[in-house]
Full PDB file with SEQRES, HELIX, SHEET, SSBOND, CRYST1, ORIGX, SCALE, CONECT and MASTER records, all heavy atoms in Angstrom:
SEQRES   1 A   35  SER ASN ALA ILE ILE THR VAL ILE GLY VAL ASN LYS LEU          
SEQRES   2 A   35  THR ARG ASP THR LEU LEU PHE LEU ARG ASN LYS GLY ALA          
SEQRES   3 A   35  PHE THR LEU PHE LEU ALA ASN ARG SER                          
HELIX    1 AA1 LYS A   12  ASN A   23  1                                  12    
SHEET    1 AA1 2 ILE A   4  ILE A   8  0                                        
SHEET    2 AA1 2 THR A  28  ALA A  32  1                                        
CRYST1    1.000    1.000    1.000  90.00  90.00  90.00 P 1           1          
ORIGX1      1.000000  0.000000  0.000000        0.00000                         
ORIGX2      0.000000  1.000000  0.000000        0.00000                         
ORIGX3      0.000000  0.000000  1.000000        0.00000                         
SCALE1      1.000000  0.000000  0.000000        0.00000                         
SCALE2      0.000000  1.000000  0.000000        0.00000                         
SCALE3      0.000000  0.000000  1.000000        0.00000                         
ATOM      1  N   SER A   1     146.257  37.455  71.239  1.00  0.00           N  
ATOM      2  CA  SER A   1     146.410  38.824  70.759  1.00  0.00           C  
ATOM      3  C   SER A   1     147.219  38.945  69.583  1.00  0.00           C  
ATOM      4  O   SER A   1     147.172  39.931  68.753  1.00  0.00           O  
ATOM      5  CB  SER A   1     146.795  39.740  71.910  1.00  0.00           C  
ATOM      6  OG  SER A   1     148.138  39.327  72.380  1.00  0.00           O  
ATOM      7  N   ASN A   2     148.226  38.025  69.413  1.00  0.00           N  
ATOM      8  CA  ASN A   2     149.153  37.989  68.232  1.00  0.00           C  
ATOM      9  C   ASN A   2     148.693  37.079  67.090  1.00  0.00           C  
ATOM     10  O   ASN A   2     149.373  37.134  66.000  1.00  0.00           O  
ATOM     11  CB  ASN A   2     150.561  37.691  68.666  1.00  0.00           C  
ATOM     12  CG  ASN A   2     151.147  38.726  69.680  1.00  0.00           C  
ATOM     13  OD1 ASN A   2     150.770  39.883  69.595  1.00  0.00           O  
ATOM     14  ND2 ASN A   2     151.942  38.320  70.584  1.00  0.00           N  
ATOM     15  N   ALA A   3     147.742  36.242  67.322  1.00  0.00           N  
ATOM     16  CA  ALA A   3     147.443  35.174  66.409  1.00  0.00           C  
ATOM     17  C   ALA A   3     146.578  35.784  65.269  1.00  0.00           C  
ATOM     18  O   ALA A   3     145.759  36.628  65.519  1.00  0.00           O  
ATOM     19  CB  ALA A   3     146.722  34.057  67.141  1.00  0.00           C  
ATOM     20  N   ILE A   4     146.704  35.176  64.109  1.00  0.00           N  
ATOM     21  CA  ILE A   4     145.826  35.439  62.974  1.00  0.00           C  
ATOM     22  C   ILE A   4     144.760  34.340  62.968  1.00  0.00           C  
ATOM     23  O   ILE A   4     145.108  33.140  62.868  1.00  0.00           O  
ATOM     24  CB  ILE A   4     146.504  35.504  61.613  1.00  0.00           C  
ATOM     25  CG1 ILE A   4     147.551  36.700  61.710  1.00  0.00           C  
ATOM     26  CG2 ILE A   4     145.562  35.765  60.496  1.00  0.00           C  
ATOM     27  CD1 ILE A   4     148.416  36.772  60.524  1.00  0.00           C  
ATOM     28  N   ILE A   5     143.519  34.673  63.064  1.00  0.00           N  
ATOM     29  CA  ILE A   5     142.482  33.634  63.149  1.00  0.00           C  
ATOM     30  C   ILE A   5     141.417  33.887  62.075  1.00  0.00           C  
ATOM     31  O   ILE A   5     140.865  34.914  61.867  1.00  0.00           O  
ATOM     32  CB  ILE A   5     141.811  33.817  64.614  1.00  0.00           C  
ATOM     33  CG1 ILE A   5     142.790  33.641  65.650  1.00  0.00           C  
ATOM     34  CG2 ILE A   5     140.621  32.702  64.734  1.00  0.00           C  
ATOM     35  CD1 ILE A   5     142.193  33.819  67.124  1.00  0.00           C  
ATOM     36  N   THR A   6     141.118  32.741  61.409  1.00  0.00           N  
ATOM     37  CA  THR A   6     140.077  32.820  60.433  1.00  0.00           C  
ATOM     38  C   THR A   6     138.867  31.881  60.842  1.00  0.00           C  
ATOM     39  O   THR A   6     139.106  30.739  61.223  1.00  0.00           O  
ATOM     40  CB  THR A   6     140.491  32.180  59.051  1.00  0.00           C  
ATOM     41  OG1 THR A   6     141.662  33.152  58.552  1.00  0.00           O  
ATOM     42  CG2 THR A   6     139.485  32.100  58.020  1.00  0.00           C  
ATOM     43  N   VAL A   7     137.714  32.467  60.763  1.00  0.00           N  
ATOM     44  CA  VAL A   7     136.488  31.769  61.035  1.00  0.00           C  
ATOM     45  C   VAL A   7     135.744  31.635  59.725  1.00  0.00           C  
ATOM     46  O   VAL A   7     135.572  32.541  58.987  1.00  0.00           O  
ATOM     47  CB  VAL A   7     135.645  32.395  62.072  1.00  0.00           C  
ATOM     48  CG1 VAL A   7     134.295  31.700  62.333  1.00  0.00           C  
ATOM     49  CG2 VAL A   7     136.431  32.610  63.404  1.00  0.00           C  
ATOM     50  N   ILE A   8     135.272  30.336  59.429  1.00  0.00           N  
ATOM     51  CA  ILE A   8     134.652  30.108  58.181  1.00  0.00           C  
ATOM     52  C   ILE A   8     133.086  29.697  58.509  1.00  0.00           C  
ATOM     53  O   ILE A   8     132.841  28.762  59.252  1.00  0.00           O  
ATOM     54  CB  ILE A   8     135.247  28.935  57.414  1.00  0.00           C  
ATOM     55  CG1 ILE A   8     136.762  29.286  57.182  1.00  0.00           C  
ATOM     56  CG2 ILE A   8     134.572  28.697  56.118  1.00  0.00           C  
ATOM     57  CD1 ILE A   8     137.549  28.124  56.521  1.00  0.00           C  
ATOM     58  N   GLY A   9     132.268  30.473  57.803  1.00  0.00           N  
ATOM     59  CA  GLY A   9     130.805  30.204  57.955  1.00  0.00           C  
ATOM     60  C   GLY A   9     130.029  31.307  58.694  1.00  0.00           C  
ATOM     61  O   GLY A   9     130.731  31.945  59.513  1.00  0.00           O  
ATOM     62  N   VAL A  10     128.816  31.494  58.418  1.00  0.00           N  
ATOM     63  CA  VAL A  10     127.988  32.539  59.123  1.00  0.00           C  
ATOM     64  C   VAL A  10     126.813  31.891  59.669  1.00  0.00           C  
ATOM     65  O   VAL A  10     125.878  31.308  59.014  1.00  0.00           O  
ATOM     66  CB  VAL A  10     127.547  33.607  58.075  1.00  0.00           C  
ATOM     67  CG1 VAL A  10     126.631  34.682  58.767  1.00  0.00           C  
ATOM     68  CG2 VAL A  10     128.801  34.258  57.518  1.00  0.00           C  
ATOM     69  N   ASN A  11     126.731  31.878  61.004  1.00  0.00           N  
ATOM     70  CA  ASN A  11     125.623  31.192  61.761  1.00  0.00           C  
ATOM     71  C   ASN A  11     125.841  31.650  63.233  1.00  0.00           C  
ATOM     72  O   ASN A  11     126.779  32.313  63.608  1.00  0.00           O  
ATOM     73  CB  ASN A  11     125.622  29.747  61.629  1.00  0.00           C  
ATOM     74  CG  ASN A  11     126.940  29.103  61.776  1.00  0.00           C  
ATOM     75  OD1 ASN A  11     127.579  29.209  62.828  1.00  0.00           O  
ATOM     76  ND2 ASN A  11     127.460  28.437  60.685  1.00  0.00           N  
ATOM     77  N   LYS A  12     124.924  31.182  64.115  1.00  0.00           N  
ATOM     78  CA  LYS A  12     124.963  31.583  65.565  1.00  0.00           C  
ATOM     79  C   LYS A  12     126.283  31.017  66.142  1.00  0.00           C  
ATOM     80  O   LYS A  12     126.850  31.677  66.983  1.00  0.00           O  
ATOM     81  CB  LYS A  12     123.791  30.935  66.293  1.00  0.00           C  
ATOM     82  CG  LYS A  12     123.742  31.407  67.773  1.00  0.00           C  
ATOM     83  CD  LYS A  12     122.554  30.873  68.468  1.00  0.00           C  
ATOM     84  CE  LYS A  12     122.490  31.317  69.883  1.00  0.00           C  
ATOM     85  NZ  LYS A  12     123.718  31.107  70.711  1.00  0.00           N  
ATOM     86  N   LEU A  13     126.676  29.753  65.749  1.00  0.00           N  
ATOM     87  CA  LEU A  13     127.887  29.240  66.341  1.00  0.00           C  
ATOM     88  C   LEU A  13     129.155  30.122  66.043  1.00  0.00           C  
ATOM     89  O   LEU A  13     129.924  30.302  66.940  1.00  0.00           O  
ATOM     90  CB  LEU A  13     127.969  27.772  65.784  1.00  0.00           C  
ATOM     91  CG  LEU A  13     129.212  26.950  66.376  1.00  0.00           C  
ATOM     92  CD1 LEU A  13     129.279  26.975  67.829  1.00  0.00           C  
ATOM     93  CD2 LEU A  13     129.169  25.549  65.738  1.00  0.00           C  
ATOM     94  N   THR A  14     129.228  30.521  64.731  1.00  0.00           N  
ATOM     95  CA  THR A  14     130.494  31.328  64.492  1.00  0.00           C  
ATOM     96  C   THR A  14     130.308  32.635  65.029  1.00  0.00           C  
ATOM     97  O   THR A  14     131.319  33.299  65.544  1.00  0.00           O  
ATOM     98  CB  THR A  14     130.639  31.455  62.862  1.00  0.00           C  
ATOM     99  OG1 THR A  14     129.445  31.857  62.283  1.00  0.00           O  
ATOM    100  CG2 THR A  14     130.998  30.039  62.373  1.00  0.00           C  
ATOM    101  N   ARG A  15     129.156  33.203  65.141  1.00  0.00           N  
ATOM    102  CA  ARG A  15     128.912  34.516  65.842  1.00  0.00           C  
ATOM    103  C   ARG A  15     129.438  34.412  67.307  1.00  0.00           C  
ATOM    104  O   ARG A  15     130.133  35.338  67.840  1.00  0.00           O  
ATOM    105  CB  ARG A  15     127.479  34.887  65.737  1.00  0.00           C  
ATOM    106  CG  ARG A  15     127.224  36.287  66.446  1.00  0.00           C  
ATOM    107  CD  ARG A  15     125.689  36.694  66.383  1.00  0.00           C  
ATOM    108  NE  ARG A  15     125.492  37.967  66.983  1.00  0.00           N  
ATOM    109  CZ  ARG A  15     125.337  38.111  68.340  1.00  0.00           C  
ATOM    110  NH1 ARG A  15     125.438  37.065  69.227  1.00  0.00           N  
ATOM    111  NH2 ARG A  15     125.210  39.322  68.789  1.00  0.00           N  
ATOM    112  N   ASP A  16     128.958  33.402  68.053  1.00  0.00           N  
ATOM    113  CA  ASP A  16     129.339  33.310  69.449  1.00  0.00           C  
ATOM    114  C   ASP A  16     130.867  33.051  69.550  1.00  0.00           C  
ATOM    115  O   ASP A  16     131.417  33.682  70.419  1.00  0.00           O  
ATOM    116  CB  ASP A  16     128.586  32.080  70.100  1.00  0.00           C  
ATOM    117  CG  ASP A  16     127.107  32.261  70.242  1.00  0.00           C  
ATOM    118  OD1 ASP A  16     126.663  33.482  70.150  1.00  0.00           O  
ATOM    119  OD2 ASP A  16     126.368  31.338  70.473  1.00  0.00           O  
ATOM    120  N   THR A  17     131.337  32.300  68.628  1.00  0.00           N  
ATOM    121  CA  THR A  17     132.821  32.056  68.654  1.00  0.00           C  
ATOM    122  C   THR A  17     133.707  33.345  68.456  1.00  0.00           C  
ATOM    123  O   THR A  17     134.557  33.615  69.216  1.00  0.00           O  
ATOM    124  CB  THR A  17     133.192  30.969  67.602  1.00  0.00           C  
ATOM    125  OG1 THR A  17     132.479  29.820  67.788  1.00  0.00           O  
ATOM    126  CG2 THR A  17     134.700  30.717  67.656  1.00  0.00           C  
ATOM    127  N   LEU A  18     133.159  34.029  67.539  1.00  0.00           N  
ATOM    128  CA  LEU A  18     133.874  35.444  67.241  1.00  0.00           C  
ATOM    129  C   LEU A  18     133.785  36.385  68.486  1.00  0.00           C  
ATOM    130  O   LEU A  18     134.827  36.973  68.796  1.00  0.00           O  
ATOM    131  CB  LEU A  18     133.230  36.100  66.038  1.00  0.00           C  
ATOM    132  CG  LEU A  18     133.659  35.478  64.672  1.00  0.00           C  
ATOM    133  CD1 LEU A  18     132.750  35.951  63.598  1.00  0.00           C  
ATOM    134  CD2 LEU A  18     135.126  35.781  64.344  1.00  0.00           C  
ATOM    135  N   LEU A  19     132.615  36.355  69.091  1.00  0.00           N  
ATOM    136  CA  LEU A  19     132.534  37.283  70.337  1.00  0.00           C  
ATOM    137  C   LEU A  19     133.339  36.778  71.360  1.00  0.00           C  
ATOM    138  O   LEU A  19     133.915  37.570  72.083  1.00  0.00           O  
ATOM    139  CB  LEU A  19     130.962  37.270  70.727  1.00  0.00           C  
ATOM    140  CG  LEU A  19     130.062  38.021  69.731  1.00  0.00           C  
ATOM    141  CD1 LEU A  19     128.649  37.779  70.170  1.00  0.00           C  
ATOM    142  CD2 LEU A  19     130.338  39.514  69.784  1.00  0.00           C  
ATOM    143  N   PHE A  20     133.383  35.457  71.605  1.00  0.00           N  
ATOM    144  CA  PHE A  20     134.234  34.950  72.663  1.00  0.00           C  
ATOM    145  C   PHE A  20     135.746  35.212  72.408  1.00  0.00           C  
ATOM    146  O   PHE A  20     136.485  35.474  73.287  1.00  0.00           O  
ATOM    147  CB  PHE A  20     134.003  33.447  72.898  1.00  0.00           C  
ATOM    148  CG  PHE A  20     132.668  33.121  73.567  1.00  0.00           C  
ATOM    149  CD1 PHE A  20     131.860  32.061  72.966  1.00  0.00           C  
ATOM    150  CD2 PHE A  20     132.185  33.852  74.602  1.00  0.00           C  
ATOM    151  CE1 PHE A  20     130.675  31.779  73.565  1.00  0.00           C  
ATOM    152  CE2 PHE A  20     130.881  33.473  75.136  1.00  0.00           C  
ATOM    153  CZ  PHE A  20     130.125  32.456  74.599  1.00  0.00           C  
ATOM    154  N   LEU A  21     136.128  35.122  71.137  1.00  0.00           N  
ATOM    155  CA  LEU A  21     137.474  35.380  70.798  1.00  0.00           C  
ATOM    156  C   LEU A  21     137.832  36.787  71.058  1.00  0.00           C  
ATOM    157  O   LEU A  21     138.878  37.114  71.606  1.00  0.00           O  
ATOM    158  CB  LEU A  21     137.713  35.025  69.302  1.00  0.00           C  
ATOM    159  CG  LEU A  21     137.760  33.525  68.956  1.00  0.00           C  
ATOM    160  CD1 LEU A  21     137.732  33.320  67.408  1.00  0.00           C  
ATOM    161  CD2 LEU A  21     139.056  32.880  69.526  1.00  0.00           C  
ATOM    162  N   ARG A  22     136.986  37.709  70.707  1.00  0.00           N  
ATOM    163  CA  ARG A  22     137.194  39.136  71.016  1.00  0.00           C  
ATOM    164  C   ARG A  22     137.325  39.377  72.448  1.00  0.00           C  
ATOM    165  O   ARG A  22     138.248  40.099  72.929  1.00  0.00           O  
ATOM    166  CB  ARG A  22     135.964  39.959  70.409  1.00  0.00           C  
ATOM    167  CG  ARG A  22     136.141  40.308  68.967  1.00  0.00           C  
ATOM    168  CD  ARG A  22     137.129  41.478  68.792  1.00  0.00           C  
ATOM    169  NE  ARG A  22     137.153  41.904  67.449  1.00  0.00           N  
ATOM    170  CZ  ARG A  22     138.218  41.971  66.696  1.00  0.00           C  
ATOM    171  NH1 ARG A  22     139.382  41.487  67.185  1.00  0.00           N  
ATOM    172  NH2 ARG A  22     138.177  42.323  65.433  1.00  0.00           N  
ATOM    173  N   ASN A  23     136.453  38.778  73.265  1.00  0.00           N  
ATOM    174  CA  ASN A  23     136.518  38.995  74.694  1.00  0.00           C  
ATOM    175  C   ASN A  23     137.818  38.462  75.300  1.00  0.00           C  
ATOM    176  O   ASN A  23     138.105  38.862  76.401  1.00  0.00           O  
ATOM    177  CB  ASN A  23     135.281  38.329  75.430  1.00  0.00           C  
ATOM    178  CG  ASN A  23     133.962  39.020  75.132  1.00  0.00           C  
ATOM    179  OD1 ASN A  23     133.995  40.215  74.723  1.00  0.00           O  
ATOM    180  ND2 ASN A  23     132.907  38.326  75.213  1.00  0.00           N  
ATOM    181  N   LYS A  24     138.343  37.401  74.671  1.00  0.00           N  
ATOM    182  CA  LYS A  24     139.549  36.796  75.110  1.00  0.00           C  
ATOM    183  C   LYS A  24     140.840  37.581  74.701  1.00  0.00           C  
ATOM    184  O   LYS A  24     141.944  37.212  74.920  1.00  0.00           O  
ATOM    185  CB  LYS A  24     139.680  35.350  74.721  1.00  0.00           C  
ATOM    186  CG  LYS A  24     138.658  34.439  75.559  1.00  0.00           C  
ATOM    187  CD  LYS A  24     139.048  34.390  77.030  1.00  0.00           C  
ATOM    188  CE  LYS A  24     138.179  33.537  77.808  1.00  0.00           C  
ATOM    189  NZ  LYS A  24     138.543  33.430  79.274  1.00  0.00           N  
ATOM    190  N   GLY A  25     140.673  38.613  73.870  1.00  0.00           N  
ATOM    191  CA  GLY A  25     141.801  39.424  73.434  1.00  0.00           C  
ATOM    192  C   GLY A  25     142.279  39.193  72.052  1.00  0.00           C  
ATOM    193  O   GLY A  25     143.264  39.634  71.611  1.00  0.00           O  
ATOM    194  N   ALA A  26     141.615  38.307  71.207  1.00  0.00           N  
ATOM    195  CA  ALA A  26     142.018  38.092  69.843  1.00  0.00           C  
ATOM    196  C   ALA A  26     141.890  39.428  69.098  1.00  0.00           C  
ATOM    197  O   ALA A  26     140.855  40.062  69.227  1.00  0.00           O  
ATOM    198  CB  ALA A  26     141.105  37.001  69.284  1.00  0.00           C  
ATOM    199  N   PHE A  27     142.821  39.703  68.245  1.00  0.00           N  
ATOM    200  CA  PHE A  27     142.859  40.990  67.631  1.00  0.00           C  
ATOM    201  C   PHE A  27     142.643  40.897  66.094  1.00  0.00           C  
ATOM    202  O   PHE A  27     141.797  41.611  65.512  1.00  0.00           O  
ATOM    203  CB  PHE A  27     144.194  41.686  67.871  1.00  0.00           C  
ATOM    204  CG  PHE A  27     144.296  43.100  67.250  1.00  0.00           C  
ATOM    205  CD1 PHE A  27     143.590  44.142  67.875  1.00  0.00           C  
ATOM    206  CD2 PHE A  27     145.043  43.243  66.146  1.00  0.00           C  
ATOM    207  CE1 PHE A  27     143.676  45.424  67.207  1.00  0.00           C  
ATOM    208  CE2 PHE A  27     145.180  44.540  65.477  1.00  0.00           C  
ATOM    209  CZ  PHE A  27     144.425  45.583  66.058  1.00  0.00           C  
ATOM    210  N   THR A  28     143.338  40.010  65.456  1.00  0.00           N  
ATOM    211  CA  THR A  28     143.218  39.814  64.029  1.00  0.00           C  
ATOM    212  C   THR A  28     142.339  38.697  63.630  1.00  0.00           C  
ATOM    213  O   THR A  28     142.644  37.496  63.714  1.00  0.00           O  
ATOM    214  CB  THR A  28     144.613  39.597  63.284  1.00  0.00           C  
ATOM    215  OG1 THR A  28     145.575  40.661  63.855  1.00  0.00           O  
ATOM    216  CG2 THR A  28     144.575  39.617  61.889  1.00  0.00           C  
ATOM    217  N   LEU A  29     141.108  39.090  63.201  1.00  0.00           N  
ATOM    218  CA  LEU A  29     140.008  37.990  62.937  1.00  0.00           C  
ATOM    219  C   LEU A  29     139.496  38.221  61.471  1.00  0.00           C  
ATOM    220  O   LEU A  29     139.214  39.402  61.059  1.00  0.00           O  
ATOM    221  CB  LEU A  29     138.899  38.212  63.921  1.00  0.00           C  
ATOM    222  CG  LEU A  29     139.096  37.918  65.354  1.00  0.00           C  
ATOM    223  CD1 LEU A  29     137.848  38.294  66.198  1.00  0.00           C  
ATOM    224  CD2 LEU A  29     139.369  36.413  65.550  1.00  0.00           C  
ATOM    225  N   PHE A  30     139.511  37.127  60.772  1.00  0.00           N  
ATOM    226  CA  PHE A  30     138.848  37.047  59.414  1.00  0.00           C  
ATOM    227  C   PHE A  30     137.613  36.318  59.515  1.00  0.00           C  
ATOM    228  O   PHE A  30     137.623  35.187  60.088  1.00  0.00           O  
ATOM    229  CB  PHE A  30     139.847  36.528  58.470  1.00  0.00           C  
ATOM    230  CG  PHE A  30     140.980  37.460  58.117  1.00  0.00           C  
ATOM    231  CD1 PHE A  30     142.273  37.187  58.741  1.00  0.00           C  
ATOM    232  CD2 PHE A  30     140.946  38.539  57.315  1.00  0.00           C  
ATOM    233  CE1 PHE A  30     143.384  38.027  58.570  1.00  0.00           C  
ATOM    234  CE2 PHE A  30     142.065  39.363  57.007  1.00  0.00           C  
ATOM    235  CZ  PHE A  30     143.280  39.041  57.660  1.00  0.00           C  
ATOM    236  N   LEU A  31     136.585  36.720  58.745  1.00  0.00           N  
ATOM    237  CA  LEU A  31     135.429  35.858  58.597  1.00  0.00           C  
ATOM    238  C   LEU A  31     135.258  35.539  57.144  1.00  0.00           C  
ATOM    239  O   LEU A  31     135.108  36.500  56.316  1.00  0.00           O  
ATOM    240  CB  LEU A  31     134.176  36.604  59.069  1.00  0.00           C  
ATOM    241  CG  LEU A  31     132.815  35.899  58.852  1.00  0.00           C  
ATOM    242  CD1 LEU A  31     132.794  34.525  59.664  1.00  0.00           C  
ATOM    243  CD2 LEU A  31     131.682  36.821  59.315  1.00  0.00           C  
ATOM    244  N   ALA A  32     135.272  34.250  56.755  1.00  0.00           N  
ATOM    245  CA  ALA A  32     135.193  33.848  55.436  1.00  0.00           C  
ATOM    246  C   ALA A  32     133.893  33.097  55.096  1.00  0.00           C  
ATOM    247  O   ALA A  32     133.426  32.388  56.021  1.00  0.00           O  
ATOM    248  CB  ALA A  32     136.383  32.923  55.052  1.00  0.00           C  
ATOM    249  N   ASN A  33     133.294  33.439  53.959  1.00  0.00           N  
ATOM    250  CA  ASN A  33     131.986  32.851  53.678  1.00  0.00           C  
ATOM    251  C   ASN A  33     131.799  32.874  52.150  1.00  0.00           C  
ATOM    252  O   ASN A  33     132.369  33.713  51.446  1.00  0.00           O  
ATOM    253  CB  ASN A  33     130.877  33.620  54.307  1.00  0.00           C  
ATOM    254  CG  ASN A  33     129.537  32.883  54.394  1.00  0.00           C  
ATOM    255  OD1 ASN A  33     129.597  31.764  54.838  1.00  0.00           O  
ATOM    256  ND2 ASN A  33     128.531  33.492  53.862  1.00  0.00           N  
ATOM    257  N   ARG A  34     130.934  32.031  51.617  1.00  0.00           N  
ATOM    258  CA  ARG A  34     130.759  31.962  50.218  1.00  0.00           C  
ATOM    259  C   ARG A  34     129.951  33.297  49.841  1.00  0.00           C  
ATOM    260  O   ARG A  34     130.255  33.838  48.807  1.00  0.00           O  
ATOM    261  CB  ARG A  34     129.826  30.707  49.891  1.00  0.00           C  
ATOM    262  CG  ARG A  34     130.006  30.222  48.498  1.00  0.00           C  
ATOM    263  CD  ARG A  34     129.361  28.881  48.321  1.00  0.00           C  
ATOM    264  NE  ARG A  34     130.017  27.788  49.020  1.00  0.00           N  
ATOM    265  CZ  ARG A  34     131.105  27.226  48.751  1.00  0.00           C  
ATOM    266  NH1 ARG A  34     131.698  27.518  47.634  1.00  0.00           N  
ATOM    267  NH2 ARG A  34     131.548  26.221  49.467  1.00  0.00           N  
ATOM    268  N   SER A  35     128.970  33.716  50.767  1.00  0.00           N  
ATOM    269  CA  SER A  35     128.350  34.988  50.421  1.00  0.00           C  
ATOM    270  C   SER A  35     129.062  36.117  51.273  1.00  0.00           C  
ATOM    271  O   SER A  35     128.923  36.121  52.466  1.00  0.00           O  
ATOM    272  CB  SER A  35     126.908  34.876  50.810  1.00  0.00           C  
ATOM    273  OG  SER A  35     126.294  36.154  50.862  1.00  0.00           O  
TER     274      SER A  35                                                      
MASTER        0    0    0    1    2    0    0    6  273    1    0    3          
END                                                                             
């Protein structure tokens, strides 16, 4: 909940990972991508 987390890439794997992180209480999430 206090960690800053960056996920790089847009695909099903990163989508699932982001959803699981949210469910586990992650608050500060960044998604980085070329597009």
